[in-house]
Amino acid sequence: MNSERRKYTRFNVPLSVKIKKGKYGTDMISGTTVNFSRSGMCVTIEGTAAELKDAVEMKVQVPGKDTFIPAVGDVVWTESRDDTSLAGIRLVAMNQEAKFYILSYCNDLE
């Protein structure tokens, strides 16, 4: 029996991500995706993920380009590791064309 609960395939791809700290903040946390899927991503950030609460605004780098696409997500889990943290983010809103481009890029890497 397959114990995998995920609905969509996760692609191990490092993309730069900028995440807004706090609901009304303007400071951004820089991070890198550990994996990316149709429904979400795992992101590693420097420092603590405690500042990432509920809904977050972020910008995700388009692979191979200096372009960042805005997105909104919900932080569903966090985990601290020494000087870094991991955060699981469920995508709520992202440009569909950009998401398709990223997923196509990931699929081509396999």
C-alpha atoms as a PDB file:
ATOM      1  CA  MET A   1       0.000   0.000   0.000  1.00  0.00           C
ATOM      2  CA  ASN A   2       1.333   3.421  -0.960  1.00  0.00           C
ATOM      3  CA  SER A   3       1.713   5.669   2.091  1.00  0.00           C
ATOM      4  CA  GLU A   4       2.071   8.847  -0.028  1.00  0.00           C
ATOM      5  CA  ARG A   5      -0.822  11.168   0.833  1.00  0.00           C
ATOM      6  CA  ARG A   6       0.014  13.960  -1.563  1.00  0.00           C
ATOM      7  CA  LYS A   7      -2.381  14.556  -4.404  1.00  0.00           C
ATOM      8  CA  TYR A   8       0.224  16.124  -6.736  1.00  0.00           C
ATOM      9  CA  THR A   9       3.821  15.238  -7.543  1.00  0.00           C
ATOM     10  CA  ARG A  10       6.464  17.296  -5.759  1.00  0.00           C
ATOM     11  CA  PHE A  11       9.402  18.368  -7.902  1.00  0.00           C
ATOM     12  CA  ASN A  12      12.765  18.964  -6.214  1.00  0.00           C
ATOM     13  CA  VAL A  13      13.679  22.312  -7.731  1.00  0.00           C
ATOM     14  CA  PRO A  14      15.530  25.236  -6.114  1.00  0.00           C
ATOM     15  CA  LEU A  15      13.738  28.499  -6.907  1.00  0.00           C
ATOM     16  CA  SER A  16      14.356  31.797  -5.151  1.00  0.00           C
ATOM     17  CA  VAL A  17      11.413  32.942  -3.051  1.00  0.00           C
ATOM     18  CA  LYS A  18      10.756  36.215  -1.233  1.00  0.00           C
ATOM     19  CA  ILE A  19       8.148  36.043   1.528  1.00  0.00           C
ATOM     20  CA  LYS A  20       6.585  39.045   3.246  1.00  0.00           C
ATOM     21  CA  LYS A  21       7.047  38.984   7.019  1.00  0.00           C
ATOM     22  CA  GLY A  22       3.768  39.430   8.859  1.00  0.00           C
ATOM     23  CA  LYS A  23       0.372  40.478   7.619  1.00  0.00           C
ATOM     24  CA  TYR A  24       1.097  44.207   7.395  1.00  0.00           C
ATOM     25  CA  GLY A  25       4.881  44.152   7.140  1.00  0.00           C
ATOM     26  CA  THR A  26       7.013  45.313   4.270  1.00  0.00           C
ATOM     27  CA  ASP A  27      10.174  43.347   5.122  1.00  0.00           C
ATOM     28  CA  MET A  28      10.821  40.258   3.051  1.00  0.00           C
ATOM     29  CA  ILE A  29      12.422  36.954   4.026  1.00  0.00           C
ATOM     30  CA  SER A  30      14.530  35.352   1.299  1.00  0.00           C
ATOM     31  CA  GLY A  31      14.370  31.636   0.822  1.00  0.00           C
ATOM     32  CA  THR A  32      14.692  28.769  -1.611  1.00  0.00           C
ATOM     33  CA  THR A  33      12.175  26.127  -2.539  1.00  0.00           C
ATOM     34  CA  VAL A  34      13.030  22.571  -1.555  1.00  0.00           C
ATOM     35  CA  ASN A  35      10.198  21.287  -3.715  1.00  0.00           C
ATOM     36  CA  PHE A  36       7.270  22.655  -5.724  1.00  0.00           C
ATOM     37  CA  SER A  37       3.922  21.196  -6.820  1.00  0.00           C
ATOM     38  CA  ARG A  38       0.583  22.313  -8.231  1.00  0.00           C
ATOM     39  CA  SER A  39      -0.756  22.854  -4.741  1.00  0.00           C
ATOM     40  CA  GLY A  40       2.198  24.109  -2.732  1.00  0.00           C
ATOM     41  CA  MET A  41       5.857  24.172  -1.878  1.00  0.00           C
ATOM     42  CA  CYS A  42       8.380  23.546   0.843  1.00  0.00           C
ATOM     43  CA  VAL A  43      10.681  26.511   1.428  1.00  0.00           C
ATOM     44  CA  THR A  44      13.888  26.810   3.420  1.00  0.00           C
ATOM     45  CA  ILE A  45      14.624  30.200   4.970  1.00  0.00           C
ATOM     46  CA  GLU A  46      17.419  31.574   7.119  1.00  0.00           C
ATOM     47  CA  GLY A  47      16.462  32.166  10.726  1.00  0.00           C
ATOM     48  CA  THR A  48      13.145  31.351  12.327  1.00  0.00           C
ATOM     49  CA  ALA A  49       9.892  30.625  10.543  1.00  0.00           C
ATOM     50  CA  ALA A  50       7.959  31.861  13.584  1.00  0.00           C
ATOM     51  CA  GLU A  51       7.272  35.128  11.756  1.00  0.00           C
ATOM     52  CA  LEU A  52       5.450  33.260   9.014  1.00  0.00           C
ATOM     53  CA  LYS A  53       1.824  33.129  10.067  1.00  0.00           C
ATOM     54  CA  ASP A  54      -1.292  31.966   8.279  1.00  0.00           C
ATOM     55  CA  ALA A  55      -1.546  33.701   4.895  1.00  0.00           C
ATOM     56  CA  VAL A  56       1.655  35.020   3.330  1.00  0.00           C
ATOM     57  CA  GLU A  57       2.364  37.112   0.271  1.00  0.00           C
ATOM     58  CA  MET A  58       5.384  36.013  -1.693  1.00  0.00           C
ATOM     59  CA  LYS A  59       7.264  36.254  -4.963  1.00  0.00           C
ATOM     60  CA  VAL A  60       8.512  33.100  -6.700  1.00  0.00           C
ATOM     61  CA  GLN A  61      11.315  33.212  -9.255  1.00  0.00           C
ATOM     62  CA  VAL A  62      10.554  32.028 -12.767  1.00  0.00           C
ATOM     63  CA  PRO A  63      13.167  29.327 -13.549  1.00  0.00           C
ATOM     64  CA  GLY A  64      16.053  30.575 -15.670  1.00  0.00           C
ATOM     65  CA  LYS A  65      14.900  34.193 -15.487  1.00  0.00           C
ATOM     66  CA  ASP A  66      15.285  37.185 -13.165  1.00  0.00           C
ATOM     67  CA  THR A  67      11.495  37.524 -13.072  1.00  0.00           C
ATOM     68  CA  PHE A  68       9.475  36.959  -9.898  1.00  0.00           C
ATOM     69  CA  ILE A  69       5.766  36.062  -9.910  1.00  0.00           C
ATOM     70  CA  PRO A  70       3.531  37.182  -7.027  1.00  0.00           C
ATOM     71  CA  ALA A  71       1.671  34.487  -5.126  1.00  0.00           C
ATOM     72  CA  VAL A  72      -0.381  34.053  -1.964  1.00  0.00           C
ATOM     73  CA  GLY A  73      -0.191  31.005   0.246  1.00  0.00           C
ATOM     74  CA  ASP A  74      -1.121  29.573   3.623  1.00  0.00           C
ATOM     75  CA  VAL A  75       1.650  28.377   5.939  1.00  0.00           C
ATOM     76  CA  VAL A  76       0.543  24.876   6.929  1.00  0.00           C
ATOM     77  CA  TRP A  77       3.612  23.816   8.918  1.00  0.00           C
ATOM     78  CA  THR A  78       7.036  25.041  10.049  1.00  0.00           C
ATOM     79  CA  GLU A  79      10.130  23.292  11.378  1.00  0.00           C
ATOM     80  CA  SER A  80      13.246  24.896  12.869  1.00  0.00           C
ATOM     81  CA  ARG A  81      16.705  23.522  12.076  1.00  0.00           C
ATOM     82  CA  ASP A  82      19.769  25.207  13.619  1.00  0.00           C
ATOM     83  CA  ASP A  83      20.201  28.439  11.603  1.00  0.00           C
ATOM     84  CA  THR A  84      17.422  27.724   9.102  1.00  0.00           C
ATOM     85  CA  SER A  85      13.749  26.823   9.042  1.00  0.00           C
ATOM     86  CA  LEU A  86      11.471  24.921   6.714  1.00  0.00           C
ATOM     87  CA  ALA A  87       7.940  26.019   5.892  1.00  0.00           C
ATOM     88  CA  GLY A  88       5.225  24.146   4.046  1.00  0.00           C
ATOM     89  CA  ILE A  89       3.096  26.585   2.054  1.00  0.00           C
ATOM     90  CA  ARG A  90      -0.187  25.726   0.342  1.00  0.00           C
ATOM     91  CA  LEU A  91      -0.689  27.892  -2.747  1.00  0.00           C
ATOM     92  CA  VAL A  92      -3.896  29.910  -2.645  1.00  0.00           C
ATOM     93  CA  ALA A  93      -3.352  32.269  -5.586  1.00  0.00           C
ATOM     94  CA  MET A  94      -0.735  32.364  -8.334  1.00  0.00           C
ATOM     95  CA  ASN A  95      -0.794  33.296 -11.986  1.00  0.00           C
ATOM     96  CA  GLN A  96      -1.831  30.053 -13.708  1.00  0.00           C
ATOM     97  CA  GLU A  97       0.384  30.632 -16.747  1.00  0.00           C
ATOM     98  CA  ALA A  98       3.428  31.168 -14.504  1.00  0.00           C
ATOM     99  CA  LYS A  99       2.583  28.094 -12.424  1.00  0.00           C
ATOM    100  CA  PHE A 100       2.237  26.006 -15.595  1.00  0.00           C
ATOM    101  CA  TYR A 101       5.604  27.312 -16.840  1.00  0.00           C
ATOM    102  CA  ILE A 102       7.310  26.373 -13.548  1.00  0.00           C
ATOM    103  CA  LEU A 103       5.702  22.909 -13.518  1.00  0.00           C
ATOM    104  CA  SER A 104       6.697  22.326 -17.157  1.00  0.00           C
ATOM    105  CA  TYR A 105      10.255  23.348 -16.309  1.00  0.00           C
ATOM    106  CA  CYS A 106      10.254  20.926 -13.354  1.00  0.00           C
ATOM    107  CA  ASN A 107       8.841  18.123 -15.458  1.00  0.00           C
ATOM    108  CA  ASP A 108      11.574  18.635 -18.070  1.00  0.00           C
ATOM    109  CA  LEU A 109      14.217  18.186 -15.351  1.00  0.00           C
ATOM    110  CA  GLU A 110      12.992  14.684 -14.538  1.00  0.00           C
END
